[in-house]
Amino acid sequence: MNAVLKQNSMQQYELSGELSFQSVPDLSGQIATLLQQDTELVIRLDKVSRADSAGVAMLLEWLRLARQQGKSLQFVDIPEQMLAIVRVSGLDSILPLSRSTA
């Protein structure tokens, strides 16, 4: 299953599917387009069904791009599998993660 990034009804973006070495490259250009359109992005991750280290690396790259452009990027509802990789890698203090308020 490929990963899909789309806007939802709450003016946030939802990432769904599998984040792997195979699917991550297809998402690379999408974040650049979104950063040109918005100054603040919220990306929901609760529909990610599976992720490996490539998915976490992608989040870091997206954060780097956002910061370079002076934009705000927040990741909401990261799945436990990804959160475990983030914690083991010591990235939980770097990635802007939060729980959903909706």
N, C-alpha and C. Protein backbone atom coordinates (compact mmCIF):
# COMPACT_ATOMS: atom_id res chain seq x y z
N MET A 1 0.84 -1.19 0.00
CA MET A 1 0.00 0.00 0.00
C MET A 1 0.88 1.25 0.00
N ASN A 2 0.57 2.17 -0.86
CA ASN A 2 1.31 3.43 -0.92
C ASN A 2 0.80 4.42 0.10
N ALA A 3 1.59 5.42 0.39
CA ALA A 3 1.19 6.48 1.29
C ALA A 3 0.52 7.59 0.50
N VAL A 4 -0.45 8.25 1.15
CA VAL A 4 -1.20 9.32 0.52
C VAL A 4 -1.26 10.49 1.49
N LEU A 5 -1.04 11.70 0.96
CA LEU A 5 -1.15 12.92 1.75
C LEU A 5 -2.26 13.75 1.13
N LYS A 6 -3.31 14.04 1.93
CA LYS A 6 -4.43 14.82 1.41
C LYS A 6 -4.98 15.74 2.50
N GLN A 7 -5.65 16.79 2.06
CA GLN A 7 -6.24 17.74 3.00
C GLN A 7 -7.57 17.19 3.50
N ASN A 8 -7.86 17.40 4.79
CA ASN A 8 -9.13 16.94 5.34
C ASN A 8 -10.07 18.13 5.55
N SER A 9 -11.22 17.88 6.11
CA SER A 9 -12.23 18.93 6.29
C SER A 9 -11.88 19.94 7.37
N MET A 10 -10.89 19.65 8.20
CA MET A 10 -10.49 20.57 9.28
C MET A 10 -9.31 21.44 8.87
N GLN A 11 -9.04 21.53 7.56
CA GLN A 11 -7.92 22.31 7.03
C GLN A 11 -6.57 21.82 7.55
N GLN A 12 -6.53 20.54 7.82
CA GLN A 12 -5.28 19.87 8.17
C GLN A 12 -4.98 18.88 7.04
N TYR A 13 -3.85 18.24 7.14
CA TYR A 13 -3.48 17.24 6.15
C TYR A 13 -3.38 15.89 6.84
N GLU A 14 -3.81 14.86 6.14
CA GLU A 14 -3.76 13.50 6.66
C GLU A 14 -2.80 12.68 5.82
N LEU A 15 -1.92 12.00 6.51
CA LEU A 15 -1.02 11.07 5.86
C LEU A 15 -1.53 9.68 6.19
N SER A 16 -1.74 8.88 5.16
CA SER A 16 -2.27 7.54 5.39
C SER A 16 -1.49 6.52 4.56
N GLY A 17 -1.63 5.27 4.96
CA GLY A 17 -0.95 4.19 4.25
C GLY A 17 0.35 3.80 4.93
N GLU A 18 1.25 3.21 4.15
CA GLU A 18 2.53 2.73 4.67
C GLU A 18 3.64 3.70 4.31
N LEU A 19 4.44 4.05 5.30
CA LEU A 19 5.62 4.88 5.08
C LEU A 19 6.83 3.98 5.11
N SER A 20 7.38 3.75 3.93
CA SER A 20 8.52 2.84 3.81
C SER A 20 9.51 3.40 2.80
N PHE A 21 10.60 2.69 2.64
CA PHE A 21 11.61 3.10 1.66
C PHE A 21 11.02 3.17 0.26
N GLN A 22 9.97 2.39 0.00
CA GLN A 22 9.35 2.40 -1.31
C GLN A 22 8.38 3.57 -1.50
N SER A 23 7.64 3.93 -0.46
CA SER A 23 6.59 4.96 -0.61
C SER A 23 7.04 6.38 -0.32
N VAL A 24 8.05 6.56 0.52
CA VAL A 24 8.49 7.90 0.92
C VAL A 24 8.92 8.77 -0.26
N PRO A 25 9.67 8.27 -1.23
CA PRO A 25 10.08 9.15 -2.33
C PRO A 25 8.91 9.78 -3.09
N ASP A 26 7.78 9.10 -3.16
CA ASP A 26 6.62 9.64 -3.86
C ASP A 26 6.01 10.84 -3.14
N LEU A 27 6.31 11.01 -1.86
CA LEU A 27 5.74 12.11 -1.08
C LEU A 27 6.64 13.34 -1.04
N SER A 28 7.87 13.21 -1.48
CA SER A 28 8.86 14.27 -1.34
C SER A 28 8.43 15.61 -1.92
N GLY A 29 7.91 15.61 -3.12
CA GLY A 29 7.53 16.86 -3.76
C GLY A 29 6.27 17.49 -3.19
N GLN A 30 5.42 16.69 -2.58
CA GLN A 30 4.15 17.21 -2.07
C GLN A 30 4.32 18.22 -0.95
N ILE A 31 5.27 17.97 -0.06
CA ILE A 31 5.42 18.90 1.07
C ILE A 31 5.94 20.25 0.60
N ALA A 32 6.79 20.26 -0.41
CA ALA A 32 7.29 21.53 -0.94
C ALA A 32 6.14 22.38 -1.47
N THR A 33 5.21 21.76 -2.16
CA THR A 33 4.04 22.46 -2.68
C THR A 33 3.18 23.00 -1.55
N LEU A 34 2.96 22.18 -0.53
CA LEU A 34 2.13 22.62 0.60
C LEU A 34 2.78 23.78 1.35
N LEU A 35 4.09 23.73 1.49
CA LEU A 35 4.79 24.81 2.20
C LEU A 35 4.72 26.13 1.43
N GLN A 36 4.57 26.06 0.12
CA GLN A 36 4.41 27.28 -0.66
C GLN A 36 3.02 27.89 -0.45
N GLN A 37 2.04 27.04 -0.15
CA GLN A 37 0.66 27.49 -0.02
C GLN A 37 0.30 27.97 1.38
N ASP A 38 0.87 27.38 2.41
CA ASP A 38 0.47 27.66 3.78
C ASP A 38 1.68 28.02 4.64
N THR A 39 1.44 28.84 5.67
CA THR A 39 2.51 29.18 6.60
C THR A 39 2.51 28.25 7.81
N GLU A 40 1.36 27.63 8.09
CA GLU A 40 1.24 26.70 9.21
C GLU A 40 0.59 25.42 8.71
N LEU A 41 1.28 24.32 8.89
CA LEU A 41 0.75 23.03 8.46
C LEU A 41 0.62 22.10 9.65
N VAL A 42 -0.51 21.42 9.72
CA VAL A 42 -0.72 20.36 10.69
C VAL A 42 -0.93 19.08 9.89
N ILE A 43 -0.11 18.08 10.18
CA ILE A 43 -0.21 16.81 9.47
C ILE A 43 -0.57 15.72 10.46
N ARG A 44 -1.74 15.13 10.23
CA ARG A 44 -2.23 14.03 11.08
C ARG A 44 -1.61 12.73 10.58
N LEU A 45 -1.15 11.93 11.52
CA LEU A 45 -0.48 10.67 11.18
C LEU A 45 -1.24 9.44 11.67
N ASP A 46 -2.43 9.62 12.23
CA ASP A 46 -3.15 8.50 12.84
C ASP A 46 -3.62 7.45 11.83
N LYS A 47 -3.58 7.76 10.54
CA LYS A 47 -4.00 6.78 9.53
C LYS A 47 -2.81 6.09 8.85
N VAL A 48 -1.61 6.32 9.39
CA VAL A 48 -0.44 5.60 8.89
C VAL A 48 -0.53 4.18 9.44
N SER A 49 -0.58 3.21 8.54
CA SER A 49 -0.78 1.82 8.96
C SER A 49 0.53 1.12 9.34
N ARG A 50 1.63 1.56 8.75
CA ARG A 50 2.93 0.97 9.06
C ARG A 50 4.00 1.96 8.66
N ALA A 51 5.09 1.97 9.41
CA ALA A 51 6.18 2.89 9.09
C ALA A 51 7.51 2.27 9.51
N ASP A 52 8.54 2.59 8.73
CA ASP A 52 9.89 2.20 9.11
C ASP A 52 10.72 3.47 9.29
N SER A 53 12.01 3.31 9.40
CA SER A 53 12.86 4.48 9.65
C SER A 53 12.81 5.49 8.51
N ALA A 54 12.47 5.06 7.32
CA ALA A 54 12.35 6.01 6.20
C ALA A 54 11.21 6.99 6.45
N GLY A 55 10.15 6.53 7.08
CA GLY A 55 9.04 7.42 7.42
C GLY A 55 9.45 8.48 8.42
N VAL A 56 10.21 8.10 9.42
CA VAL A 56 10.71 9.05 10.42
C VAL A 56 11.69 10.02 9.77
N ALA A 57 12.56 9.51 8.92
CA ALA A 57 13.51 10.38 8.21
C ALA A 57 12.77 11.40 7.35
N MET A 58 11.66 10.99 6.75
CA MET A 58 10.86 11.90 5.94
C MET A 58 10.30 13.03 6.80
N LEU A 59 9.81 12.71 7.99
CA LEU A 59 9.29 13.75 8.88
C LEU A 59 10.38 14.76 9.22
N LEU A 60 11.58 14.26 9.48
CA LEU A 60 12.70 15.15 9.77
C LEU A 60 13.03 16.05 8.58
N GLU A 61 12.99 15.49 7.39
CA GLU A 61 13.26 16.27 6.19
C GLU A 61 12.18 17.33 5.98
N TRP A 62 10.93 16.97 6.20
CA TRP A 62 9.84 17.94 6.07
C TRP A 62 10.01 19.07 7.08
N LEU A 63 10.40 18.72 8.30
CA LEU A 63 10.62 19.74 9.32
C LEU A 63 11.76 20.66 8.91
N ARG A 64 12.83 20.12 8.37
CA ARG A 64 13.96 20.93 7.91
C ARG A 64 13.53 21.90 6.82
N LEU A 65 12.77 21.41 5.87
CA LEU A 65 12.28 22.28 4.79
C LEU A 65 11.39 23.39 5.32
N ALA A 66 10.50 23.05 6.24
CA ALA A 66 9.61 24.06 6.83
C ALA A 66 10.41 25.14 7.57
N ARG A 67 11.35 24.72 8.36
CA ARG A 67 12.15 25.69 9.11
C ARG A 67 12.98 26.57 8.19
N GLN A 68 13.50 26.01 7.11
CA GLN A 68 14.27 26.81 6.16
C GLN A 68 13.42 27.92 5.56
N GLN A 69 12.14 27.65 5.41
CA GLN A 69 11.23 28.62 4.80
C GLN A 69 10.48 29.47 5.83
N GLY A 70 10.81 29.28 7.10
CA GLY A 70 10.16 30.05 8.16
C GLY A 70 8.71 29.66 8.36
N LYS A 71 8.37 28.42 8.08
CA LYS A 71 6.99 27.93 8.21
C LYS A 71 6.86 27.06 9.46
N SER A 72 5.62 26.91 9.91
CA SER A 72 5.32 26.09 11.07
C SER A 72 4.78 24.74 10.61
N LEU A 73 5.30 23.66 11.19
CA LEU A 73 4.87 22.31 10.84
C LEU A 73 4.69 21.52 12.13
N GLN A 74 3.52 20.91 12.26
CA GLN A 74 3.19 20.12 13.46
C GLN A 74 2.70 18.75 13.02
N PHE A 75 3.18 17.71 13.69
CA PHE A 75 2.73 16.34 13.44
C PHE A 75 1.83 15.92 14.58
N VAL A 76 0.63 15.44 14.25
CA VAL A 76 -0.38 15.10 15.25
C VAL A 76 -0.69 13.61 15.17
N ASP A 77 -0.85 13.00 16.34
CA ASP A 77 -1.27 11.60 16.47
C ASP A 77 -0.36 10.62 15.75
N ILE A 78 0.91 10.69 16.09
CA ILE A 78 1.89 9.76 15.50
C ILE A 78 1.59 8.35 16.01
N PRO A 79 1.59 7.37 15.12
CA PRO A 79 1.34 5.98 15.54
C PRO A 79 2.43 5.47 16.48
N GLU A 80 2.06 4.53 17.32
CA GLU A 80 3.00 3.99 18.30
C GLU A 80 4.27 3.42 17.65
N GLN A 81 4.12 2.78 16.51
CA GLN A 81 5.28 2.21 15.83
C GLN A 81 6.29 3.29 15.45
N MET A 82 5.80 4.40 14.93
CA MET A 82 6.69 5.51 14.57
C MET A 82 7.25 6.18 15.83
N LEU A 83 6.40 6.31 16.83
CA LEU A 83 6.84 6.94 18.08
C LEU A 83 7.97 6.15 18.72
N ALA A 84 7.91 4.83 18.63
CA ALA A 84 8.99 4.00 19.18
C ALA A 84 10.31 4.28 18.45
N ILE A 85 10.26 4.41 17.13
CA ILE A 85 11.47 4.72 16.36
C ILE A 85 12.00 6.10 16.73
N VAL A 86 11.09 7.05 16.87
CA VAL A 86 11.46 8.42 17.25
C VAL A 86 12.16 8.42 18.61
N ARG A 87 11.58 7.72 19.57
CA ARG A 87 12.14 7.70 20.93
C ARG A 87 13.49 7.00 20.97
N VAL A 88 13.60 5.85 20.33
CA VAL A 88 14.86 5.10 20.32
C VAL A 88 15.96 5.92 19.65
N SER A 89 15.59 6.70 18.66
CA SER A 89 16.55 7.53 17.93
C SER A 89 16.86 8.84 18.66
N GLY A 90 16.16 9.12 19.74
CA GLY A 90 16.38 10.35 20.49
C GLY A 90 15.85 11.59 19.78
N LEU A 91 14.83 11.41 18.96
CA LEU A 91 14.30 12.53 18.17
C LEU A 91 13.03 13.14 18.75
N ASP A 92 12.56 12.61 19.89
CA ASP A 92 11.31 13.11 20.45
C ASP A 92 11.39 14.56 20.91
N SER A 93 12.59 15.06 21.14
CA SER A 93 12.72 16.48 21.52
C SER A 93 12.89 17.38 20.30
N ILE A 94 13.07 16.78 19.13
CA ILE A 94 13.28 17.55 17.90
C ILE A 94 12.00 17.68 17.09
N LEU A 95 11.28 16.57 16.94
CA LEU A 95 10.07 16.57 16.12
C LEU A 95 8.90 17.20 16.88
N PRO A 96 8.15 18.10 16.23
CA PRO A 96 7.01 18.74 16.87
C PRO A 96 5.79 17.81 16.85
N LEU A 97 5.67 16.98 17.89
CA LEU A 97 4.61 15.99 17.97
C LEU A 97 3.59 16.41 19.00
N SER A 98 2.31 16.11 18.71
CA SER A 98 1.27 16.37 19.70
C SER A 98 0.14 15.38 19.52
N ARG A 99 -0.72 15.33 20.51
CA ARG A 99 -1.92 14.51 20.45
C ARG A 99 -3.04 15.35 19.88
N SER A 100 -3.99 14.71 19.30
CA SER A 100 -5.13 15.40 18.67
C SER A 100 -6.01 16.04 19.73
N THR A 101 -6.57 17.18 19.37
CA THR A 101 -7.56 17.82 20.22
C THR A 101 -8.95 17.62 19.66
N ALA A 102 -9.02 16.97 18.50
CA ALA A 102 -10.32 16.75 17.85
C ALA A 102 -10.85 15.38 18.17
